[in-house]
Amino acid sequence: MKHSEATEQLFDQVIAYTPPEIKHEVEWSYQIADKIYAALRRKGLSQKEFARLVGTSEATVSKWIGGGHNFTIATLAKIEAALGEEVIRV
């Protein structure tokens, strides 16, 4: 078995045993990140400009749009207010 095949099998096993709630958390986090990134592109905002609007650092914005961030409701509200559009819908 090649190294890449073993790695792929291990990855598949990890995914198979990952609880559904964790899968949802990761999926939603990346979807939110994608929406933020798309909004920044549409509006022509840099990460630095957006960080200033939200009142945070450029490094934090970079983490947000990199995906995998566990957003709080307060943070999402700030993001939506700064963008002037929805990021999530409940």
PDB file of N, CA and C in Angstrom:
ATOM      1  N   MET A   1       0.843  -1.178   0.000  1.00  0.00           N
ATOM      2  CA  MET A   1       0.000   0.000   0.000  1.00  0.00           C
ATOM      3  C   MET A   1       0.889   1.242   0.000  1.00  0.00           C
ATOM      4  N   LYS A   2       0.607   2.155  -0.904  1.00  0.00           N
ATOM      5  CA  LYS A   2       1.367   3.385  -0.984  1.00  0.00           C
ATOM      6  C   LYS A   2       1.016   4.284   0.196  1.00  0.00           C
ATOM      7  N   HIS A   3       1.930   5.193   0.491  1.00  0.00           N
ATOM      8  CA  HIS A   3       1.723   6.133   1.596  1.00  0.00           C
ATOM      9  C   HIS A   3       0.449   6.950   1.411  1.00  0.00           C
ATOM     10  N   SER A   4       0.211   7.439   0.197  1.00  0.00           N
ATOM     11  CA  SER A   4      -0.973   8.265  -0.041  1.00  0.00           C
ATOM     12  C   SER A   4      -2.260   7.459   0.120  1.00  0.00           C
ATOM     13  N   GLU A   5      -2.237   6.182  -0.249  1.00  0.00           N
ATOM     14  CA  GLU A   5      -3.412   5.326  -0.065  1.00  0.00           C
ATOM     15  C   GLU A   5      -3.697   5.117   1.419  1.00  0.00           C
ATOM     16  N   ALA A   6      -2.649   4.905   2.201  1.00  0.00           N
ATOM     17  CA  ALA A   6      -2.809   4.728   3.647  1.00  0.00           C
ATOM     18  C   ALA A   6      -3.348   5.998   4.276  1.00  0.00           C
ATOM     19  N   THR A   7      -2.842   7.121   3.837  1.00  0.00           N
ATOM     20  CA  THR A   7      -3.307   8.407   4.362  1.00  0.00           C
ATOM     21  C   THR A   7      -4.773   8.616   4.018  1.00  0.00           C
ATOM     22  N   GLU A   8      -5.132   8.280   2.794  1.00  0.00           N
ATOM     23  CA  GLU A   8      -6.524   8.429   2.358  1.00  0.00           C
ATOM     24  C   GLU A   8      -7.453   7.522   3.166  1.00  0.00           C
ATOM     25  N   GLN A   9      -7.028   6.300   3.427  1.00  0.00           N
ATOM     26  CA  GLN A   9      -7.838   5.375   4.224  1.00  0.00           C
ATOM     27  C   GLN A   9      -8.003   5.892   5.650  1.00  0.00           C
ATOM     28  N   LEU A  10      -6.933   6.398   6.220  1.00  0.00           N
ATOM     29  CA  LEU A  10      -7.002   6.948   7.569  1.00  0.00           C
ATOM     30  C   LEU A  10      -7.946   8.142   7.612  1.00  0.00           C
ATOM     31  N   PHE A  11      -7.848   9.013   6.625  1.00  0.00           N
ATOM     32  CA  PHE A  11      -8.737  10.166   6.540  1.00  0.00           C
ATOM     33  C   PHE A  11     -10.190   9.711   6.459  1.00  0.00           C
ATOM     34  N   ASP A  12     -10.475   8.731   5.620  1.00  0.00           N
ATOM     35  CA  ASP A  12     -11.836   8.207   5.480  1.00  0.00           C
ATOM     36  C   ASP A  12     -12.352   7.634   6.803  1.00  0.00           C
ATOM     37  N   GLN A  13     -11.484   6.964   7.546  1.00  0.00           N
ATOM     38  CA  GLN A  13     -11.881   6.405   8.844  1.00  0.00           C
ATOM     39  C   GLN A  13     -12.203   7.522   9.837  1.00  0.00           C
ATOM     40  N   VAL A  14     -11.377   8.553   9.851  1.00  0.00           N
ATOM     41  CA  VAL A  14     -11.620   9.678  10.758  1.00  0.00           C
ATOM     42  C   VAL A  14     -12.956  10.333  10.426  1.00  0.00           C
ATOM     43  N   ILE A  15     -13.209  10.561   9.156  1.00  0.00           N
ATOM     44  CA  ILE A  15     -14.477  11.165   8.731  1.00  0.00           C
ATOM     45  C   ILE A  15     -15.649  10.274   9.122  1.00  0.00           C
ATOM     46  N   ALA A  16     -15.509   8.987   8.945  1.00  0.00           N
ATOM     47  CA  ALA A  16     -16.594   8.052   9.257  1.00  0.00           C
ATOM     48  C   ALA A  16     -16.951   8.075  10.742  1.00  0.00           C
ATOM     49  N   TYR A  17     -15.970   8.328  11.597  1.00  0.00           N
ATOM     50  CA  TYR A  17     -16.213   8.314  13.036  1.00  0.00           C
ATOM     51  C   TYR A  17     -16.397   9.712  13.633  1.00  0.00           C
ATOM     52  N   THR A  18     -16.404  10.727  12.795  1.00  0.00           N
ATOM     53  CA  THR A  18     -16.628  12.081  13.285  1.00  0.00           C
ATOM     54  C   THR A  18     -18.116  12.256  13.552  1.00  0.00           C
ATOM     55  N   PRO A  19     -18.472  12.718  14.754  1.00  0.00           N
ATOM     56  CA  PRO A  19     -19.891  12.896  15.079  1.00  0.00           C
ATOM     57  C   PRO A  19     -20.565  13.902  14.140  1.00  0.00           C
ATOM     58  N   PRO A  20     -21.832  13.687  13.837  1.00  0.00           N
ATOM     59  CA  PRO A  20     -22.546  14.568  12.903  1.00  0.00           C
ATOM     60  C   PRO A  20     -22.520  16.031  13.331  1.00  0.00           C
ATOM     61  N   GLU A  21     -22.605  16.296  14.622  1.00  0.00           N
ATOM     62  CA  GLU A  21     -22.628  17.690  15.067  1.00  0.00           C
ATOM     63  C   GLU A  21     -21.305  18.400  14.772  1.00  0.00           C
ATOM     64  N   ILE A  22     -20.211  17.663  14.821  1.00  0.00           N
ATOM     65  CA  ILE A  22     -18.903  18.236  14.492  1.00  0.00           C
ATOM     66  C   ILE A  22     -18.826  18.500  12.988  1.00  0.00           C
ATOM     67  N   LYS A  23     -19.345  17.572  12.202  1.00  0.00           N
ATOM     68  CA  LYS A  23     -19.371  17.781  10.750  1.00  0.00           C
ATOM     69  C   LYS A  23     -20.168  19.032  10.409  1.00  0.00           C
ATOM     70  N   HIS A  24     -21.322  19.210  11.044  1.00  0.00           N
ATOM     71  CA  HIS A  24     -22.151  20.398  10.803  1.00  0.00           C
ATOM     72  C   HIS A  24     -21.428  21.673  11.227  1.00  0.00           C
ATOM     73  N   GLU A  25     -20.795  21.627  12.380  1.00  0.00           N
ATOM     74  CA  GLU A  25     -20.072  22.804  12.878  1.00  0.00           C
ATOM     75  C   GLU A  25     -19.004  23.245  11.879  1.00  0.00           C
ATOM     76  N   VAL A  26     -18.239  22.310  11.402  1.00  0.00           N
ATOM     77  CA  VAL A  26     -17.168  22.624  10.444  1.00  0.00           C
ATOM     78  C   VAL A  26     -17.759  23.130   9.131  1.00  0.00           C
ATOM     79  N   GLU A  27     -18.783  22.453   8.639  1.00  0.00           N
ATOM     80  CA  GLU A  27     -19.421  22.858   7.385  1.00  0.00           C
ATOM     81  C   GLU A  27     -19.976  24.275   7.486  1.00  0.00           C
ATOM     82  N   TRP A  28     -20.707  24.563   8.560  1.00  0.00           N
ATOM     83  CA  TRP A  28     -21.296  25.898   8.733  1.00  0.00           C
ATOM     84  C   TRP A  28     -20.209  26.965   8.849  1.00  0.00           C
ATOM     85  N   SER A  29     -19.158  26.652   9.580  1.00  0.00           N
ATOM     86  CA  SER A  29     -18.068  27.605   9.749  1.00  0.00           C
ATOM     87  C   SER A  29     -17.454  27.990   8.407  1.00  0.00           C
ATOM     88  N   TYR A  30     -17.220  27.008   7.558  1.00  0.00           N
ATOM     89  CA  TYR A  30     -16.641  27.288   6.244  1.00  0.00           C
ATOM     90  C   TYR A  30     -17.634  28.006   5.330  1.00  0.00           C
ATOM     91  N   GLN A  31     -18.911  27.703   5.464  1.00  0.00           N
ATOM     92  CA  GLN A  31     -19.916  28.416   4.669  1.00  0.00           C
ATOM     93  C   GLN A  31     -19.967  29.892   5.056  1.00  0.00           C
ATOM     94  N   ILE A  32     -19.904  30.169   6.359  1.00  0.00           N
ATOM     95  CA  ILE A  32     -19.888  31.555   6.824  1.00  0.00           C
ATOM     96  C   ILE A  32     -18.639  32.260   6.311  1.00  0.00           C
ATOM     97  N   ALA A  33     -17.502  31.599   6.409  1.00  0.00           N
ATOM     98  CA  ALA A  33     -16.250  32.181   5.919  1.00  0.00           C
ATOM     99  C   ALA A  33     -16.363  32.510   4.432  1.00  0.00           C
ATOM    100  N   ASP A  34     -16.940  31.600   3.658  1.00  0.00           N
ATOM    101  CA  ASP A  34     -17.116  31.836   2.225  1.00  0.00           C
ATOM    102  C   ASP A  34     -18.008  33.046   1.965  1.00  0.00           C
ATOM    103  N   LYS A  35     -19.079  33.192   2.750  1.00  0.00           N
ATOM    104  CA  LYS A  35     -19.989  34.320   2.568  1.00  0.00           C
ATOM    105  C   LYS A  35     -19.309  35.638   2.912  1.00  0.00           C
ATOM    106  N   ILE A  36     -18.519  35.650   3.971  1.00  0.00           N
ATOM    107  CA  ILE A  36     -17.789  36.868   4.334  1.00  0.00           C
ATOM    108  C   ILE A  36     -16.810  37.234   3.225  1.00  0.00           C
ATOM    109  N   TYR A  37     -16.048  36.259   2.770  1.00  0.00           N
ATOM    110  CA  TYR A  37     -15.062  36.504   1.721  1.00  0.00           C
ATOM    111  C   TYR A  37     -15.740  37.023   0.453  1.00  0.00           C
ATOM    112  N   ALA A  38     -16.844  36.410   0.063  1.00  0.00           N
ATOM    113  CA  ALA A  38     -17.565  36.839  -1.138  1.00  0.00           C
ATOM    114  C   ALA A  38     -18.079  38.270  -0.984  1.00  0.00           C
ATOM    115  N   ALA A  39     -18.589  38.598   0.196  1.00  0.00           N
ATOM    116  CA  ALA A  39     -19.081  39.956   0.437  1.00  0.00           C
ATOM    117  C   ALA A  39     -17.943  40.968   0.353  1.00  0.00           C
ATOM    118  N   LEU A  40     -16.791  40.636   0.909  1.00  0.00           N
ATOM    119  CA  LEU A  40     -15.642  41.540   0.835  1.00  0.00           C
ATOM    120  C   LEU A  40     -15.246  41.784  -0.620  1.00  0.00           C
ATOM    121  N   ARG A  41     -15.246  40.737  -1.420  1.00  0.00           N
ATOM    122  CA  ARG A  41     -14.881  40.874  -2.838  1.00  0.00           C
ATOM    123  C   ARG A  41     -15.897  41.735  -3.579  1.00  0.00           C
ATOM    124  N   ARG A  42     -17.195  41.477  -3.338  1.00  0.00           N
ATOM    125  CA  ARG A  42     -18.239  42.246  -4.013  1.00  0.00           C
ATOM    126  C   ARG A  42     -18.144  43.728  -3.670  1.00  0.00           C
ATOM    127  N   LYS A  43     -17.830  44.019  -2.417  1.00  0.00           N
ATOM    128  CA  LYS A  43     -17.790  45.395  -1.937  1.00  0.00           C
ATOM    129  C   LYS A  43     -16.434  46.054  -2.157  1.00  0.00           C
ATOM    130  N   GLY A  44     -15.457  45.283  -2.617  1.00  0.00           N
ATOM    131  CA  GLY A  44     -14.131  45.820  -2.856  1.00  0.00           C
ATOM    132  C   GLY A  44     -13.402  46.210  -1.576  1.00  0.00           C
ATOM    133  N   LEU A  45     -13.714  45.502  -0.480  1.00  0.00           N
ATOM    134  CA  LEU A  45     -13.082  45.784   0.810  1.00  0.00           C
ATOM    135  C   LEU A  45     -11.877  44.884   1.038  1.00  0.00           C
ATOM    136  N   SER A  46     -10.809  45.467   1.523  1.00  0.00           N
ATOM    137  CA  SER A  46      -9.658  44.660   1.931  1.00  0.00           C
ATOM    138  C   SER A  46      -9.926  44.120   3.332  1.00  0.00           C
ATOM    139  N   GLN A  47      -9.134  43.141   3.731  1.00  0.00           N
ATOM    140  CA  GLN A  47      -9.261  42.615   5.095  1.00  0.00           C
ATOM    141  C   GLN A  47      -8.980  43.715   6.115  1.00  0.00           C
ATOM    142  N   LYS A  48      -8.014  44.568   5.800  1.00  0.00           N
ATOM    143  CA  LYS A  48      -7.656  45.656   6.708  1.00  0.00           C
ATOM    144  C   LYS A  48      -8.812  46.642   6.866  1.00  0.00           C
ATOM    145  N   GLU A  49      -9.437  47.020   5.749  1.00  0.00           N
ATOM    146  CA  GLU A  49     -10.579  47.945   5.808  1.00  0.00           C
ATOM    147  C   GLU A  49     -11.743  47.325   6.577  1.00  0.00           C
ATOM    148  N   PHE A  50     -12.007  46.049   6.301  1.00  0.00           N
ATOM    149  CA  PHE A  50     -13.102  45.363   6.981  1.00  0.00           C
ATOM    150  C   PHE A  50     -12.822  45.243   8.478  1.00  0.00           C
ATOM    151  N   ALA A  51     -11.592  44.933   8.829  1.00  0.00           N
ATOM    152  CA  ALA A  51     -11.220  44.831  10.245  1.00  0.00           C
ATOM    153  C   ALA A  51     -11.499  46.139  10.961  1.00  0.00           C
ATOM    154  N   ARG A  52     -11.182  47.241  10.315  1.00  0.00           N
ATOM    155  CA  ARG A  52     -11.435  48.550  10.911  1.00  0.00           C
ATOM    156  C   ARG A  52     -12.937  48.779  11.111  1.00  0.00           C
ATOM    157  N   LEU A  53     -13.748  48.380  10.132  1.00  0.00           N
ATOM    158  CA  LEU A  53     -15.198  48.531  10.235  1.00  0.00           C
ATOM    159  C   LEU A  53     -15.790  47.709  11.377  1.00  0.00           C
ATOM    160  N   VAL A  54     -15.236  46.524  11.559  1.00  0.00           N
ATOM    161  CA  VAL A  54     -15.750  45.610  12.593  1.00  0.00           C
ATOM    162  C   VAL A  54     -15.157  45.938  13.965  1.00  0.00           C
ATOM    163  N   GLY A  55     -14.000  46.584  13.974  1.00  0.00           N
ATOM    164  CA  GLY A  55     -13.340  46.903  15.240  1.00  0.00           C
ATOM    165  C   GLY A  55     -12.480  45.768  15.748  1.00  0.00           C
ATOM    166  N   THR A  56     -11.797  45.112  14.814  1.00  0.00           N
ATOM    167  CA  THR A  56     -10.916  44.006  15.187  1.00  0.00           C
ATOM    168  C   THR A  56      -9.622  44.109  14.373  1.00  0.00           C
ATOM    169  N   SER A  57      -8.771  43.131  14.524  1.00  0.00           N
ATOM    170  CA  SER A  57      -7.497  43.150  13.813  1.00  0.00           C
ATOM    171  C   SER A  57      -7.616  42.462  12.454  1.00  0.00           C
ATOM    172  N   GLU A  58      -6.700  42.811  11.578  1.00  0.00           N
ATOM    173  CA  GLU A  58      -6.644  42.166  10.275  1.00  0.00           C
ATOM    174  C   GLU A  58      -6.358  40.669  10.423  1.00  0.00           C
ATOM    175  N   ALA A  59      -5.557  40.311  11.427  1.00  0.00           N
ATOM    176  CA  ALA A  59      -5.248  38.895  11.677  1.00  0.00           C
ATOM    177  C   ALA A  59      -6.517  38.120  12.037  1.00  0.00           C
ATOM    178  N   THR A  60      -7.393  38.746  12.810  1.00  0.00           N
ATOM    179  CA  THR A  60      -8.658  38.083  13.176  1.00  0.00           C
ATOM    180  C   THR A  60      -9.524  37.877  11.944  1.00  0.00           C
ATOM    181  N   VAL A  61      -9.623  38.886  11.105  1.00  0.00           N
ATOM    182  CA  VAL A  61     -10.406  38.761   9.869  1.00  0.00           C
ATOM    183  C   VAL A  61      -9.826  37.649   9.007  1.00  0.00           C
ATOM    184  N   SER A  62      -8.517  37.559   8.942  1.00  0.00           N
ATOM    185  CA  SER A  62      -7.867  36.498   8.175  1.00  0.00           C
ATOM    186  C   SER A  62      -8.270  35.128   8.707  1.00  0.00           C
ATOM    187  N   LYS A  63      -8.343  34.982  10.021  1.00  0.00           N
ATOM    188  CA  LYS A  63      -8.784  33.710  10.624  1.00  0.00           C
ATOM    189  C   LYS A  63     -10.231  33.423  10.256  1.00  0.00           C
ATOM    190  N   TRP A  64     -11.072  34.472  10.288  1.00  0.00           N
ATOM    191  CA  TRP A  64     -12.485  34.285   9.952  1.00  0.00           C
ATOM    192  C   TRP A  64     -12.650  33.748   8.547  1.00  0.00           C
ATOM    193  N   ILE A  65     -11.983  34.377   7.583  1.00  0.00           N
ATOM    194  CA  ILE A  65     -12.205  33.968   6.196  1.00  0.00           C
ATOM    195  C   ILE A  65     -11.374  32.751   5.811  1.00  0.00           C
ATOM    196  N   GLY A  66     -10.482  32.342   6.699  1.00  0.00           N
ATOM    197  CA  GLY A  66      -9.733  31.107   6.472  1.00  0.00           C
ATOM    198  C   GLY A  66     -10.560  29.873   6.758  1.00  0.00           C
ATOM    199  N   GLY A  67     -11.665  30.042   7.465  1.00  0.00           N
ATOM    200  CA  GLY A  67     -12.553  28.933   7.797  1.00  0.00           C
ATOM    201  C   GLY A  67     -12.157  28.259   9.095  1.00  0.00           C
ATOM    202  N   GLY A  68     -13.096  27.570   9.671  1.00  0.00           N
ATOM    203  CA  GLY A  68     -12.853  26.817  10.894  1.00  0.00           C
ATOM    204  C   GLY A  68     -13.021  27.619  12.168  1.00  0.00           C
ATOM    205  N   HIS A  69     -13.421  28.892  12.053  1.00  0.00           N
ATOM    206  CA  HIS A  69     -13.586  29.726  13.240  1.00  0.00           C
ATOM    207  C   HIS A  69     -14.938  29.441  13.888  1.00  0.00           C
ATOM    208  N   ASN A  70     -14.978  29.412  15.207  1.00  0.00           N
ATOM    209  CA  ASN A  70     -16.223  29.208  15.941  1.00  0.00           C
ATOM    210  C   ASN A  70     -16.812  30.582  16.260  1.00  0.00           C
ATOM    211  N   PHE A  71     -17.660  31.086  15.372  1.00  0.00           N
ATOM    212  CA  PHE A  71     -18.239  32.418  15.506  1.00  0.00           C
ATOM    213  C   PHE A  71     -19.245  32.493  16.636  1.00  0.00           C
ATOM    214  N   THR A  72     -19.214  33.594  17.370  1.00  0.00           N
ATOM    215  CA  THR A  72     -20.266  33.862  18.357  1.00  0.00           C
ATOM    216  C   THR A  72     -21.371  34.649  17.667  1.00  0.00           C
ATOM    217  N   ILE A  73     -22.520  34.685  18.277  1.00  0.00           N
ATOM    218  CA  ILE A  73     -23.635  35.465  17.735  1.00  0.00           C
ATOM    219  C   ILE A  73     -23.266  36.943  17.715  1.00  0.00           C
ATOM    220  N   ALA A  74     -22.588  37.413  18.756  1.00  0.00           N
ATOM    221  CA  ALA A  74     -22.173  38.820  18.814  1.00  0.00           C
ATOM    222  C   ALA A  74     -21.231  39.158  17.656  1.00  0.00           C
ATOM    223  N   THR A  75     -20.294  38.269  17.366  1.00  0.00           N
ATOM    224  CA  THR A  75     -19.366  38.507  16.265  1.00  0.00           C
ATOM    225  C   THR A  75     -20.102  38.511  14.928  1.00  0.00           C
ATOM    226  N   LEU A  76     -21.014  37.577  14.742  1.00  0.00           N
ATOM    227  CA  LEU A  76     -21.781  37.533  13.502  1.00  0.00           C
ATOM    228  C   LEU A  76     -22.611  38.798  13.328  1.00  0.00           C
ATOM    229  N   ALA A  77     -23.176  39.314  14.410  1.00  0.00           N
ATOM    230  CA  ALA A  77     -23.957  40.553  14.342  1.00  0.00           C
ATOM    231  C   ALA A  77     -23.066  41.719  13.914  1.00  0.00           C
ATOM    232  N   LYS A  78     -21.855  41.803  14.456  1.00  0.00           N
ATOM    233  CA  LYS A  78     -20.916  42.861  14.066  1.00  0.00           C
ATOM    234  C   LYS A  78     -20.542  42.736  12.592  1.00  0.00           C
ATOM    235  N   ILE A  79     -20.288  41.514  12.157  1.00  0.00           N
ATOM    236  CA  ILE A  79     -19.910  41.269  10.763  1.00  0.00           C
ATOM    237  C   ILE A  79     -21.033  41.696   9.825  1.00  0.00           C
ATOM    238  N   GLU A  80     -22.256  41.287  10.147  1.00  0.00           N
ATOM    239  CA  GLU A  80     -23.394  41.637   9.302  1.00  0.00           C
ATOM    240  C   GLU A  80     -23.622  43.142   9.278  1.00  0.00           C
ATOM    241  N   ALA A  81     -23.481  43.798  10.426  1.00  0.00           N
ATOM    242  CA  ALA A  81     -23.658  45.251  10.484  1.00  0.00           C
ATOM    243  C   ALA A  81     -22.610  45.953   9.626  1.00  0.00           C
ATOM    244  N   ALA A  82     -21.376  45.499   9.692  1.00  0.00           N
ATOM    245  CA  ALA A  82     -20.288  46.111   8.919  1.00  0.00           C
ATOM    246  C   ALA A  82     -20.469  45.881   7.425  1.00  0.00           C
ATOM    247  N   LEU A  83     -20.975  44.705   7.050  1.00  0.00           N
ATOM    248  CA  LEU A  83     -21.167  44.383   5.640  1.00  0.00           C
ATOM    249  C   LEU A  83     -22.467  44.955   5.085  1.00  0.00           C
ATOM    250  N   GLY A  84     -23.432  45.185   5.968  1.00  0.00           N
ATOM    251  CA  GLY A  84     -24.730  45.658   5.527  1.00  0.00           C
ATOM    252  C   GLY A  84     -25.522  44.577   4.811  1.00  0.00           C
ATOM    253  N   GLU A  85     -25.246  43.325   5.161  1.00  0.00           N
ATOM    254  CA  GLU A  85     -25.967  42.200   4.569  1.00  0.00           C
ATOM    255  C   GLU A  85     -25.899  40.982   5.474  1.00  0.00           C
ATOM    256  N   GLU A  86     -26.806  40.036   5.210  1.00  0.00           N
ATOM    257  CA  GLU A  86     -26.847  38.809   6.003  1.00  0.00           C
ATOM    258  C   GLU A  86     -25.666  37.900   5.698  1.00  0.00           C
ATOM    259  N   VAL A  87     -25.160  37.278   6.755  1.00  0.00           N
ATOM    260  CA  VAL A  87     -24.146  36.245   6.615  1.00  0.00           C
ATOM    261  C   VAL A  87     -24.778  34.902   6.934  1.00  0.00           C
ATOM    262  N   ILE A  88     -25.710  34.909   7.875  1.00  0.00           N
ATOM    263  CA  ILE A  88     -26.443  33.691   8.224  1.00  0.00           C
ATOM    264  C   ILE A  88     -27.938  34.022   8.244  1.00  0.00           C
ATOM    265  N   ARG A  89     -28.724  32.991   8.154  1.00  0.00           N
ATOM    266  CA  ARG A  89     -30.170  33.154   8.260  1.00  0.00           C
ATOM    267  C   ARG A  89     -30.685  32.066   9.185  1.00  0.00           C
ATOM    268  N   VAL A  90     -31.479  32.466  10.158  1.00  0.00           N
ATOM    269  CA  VAL A  90     -32.064  31.490  11.088  1.00  0.00           C
ATOM    270  C   VAL A  90     -33.552  31.470  10.955  1.00  0.00           C
TER     271      VAL A  90
END
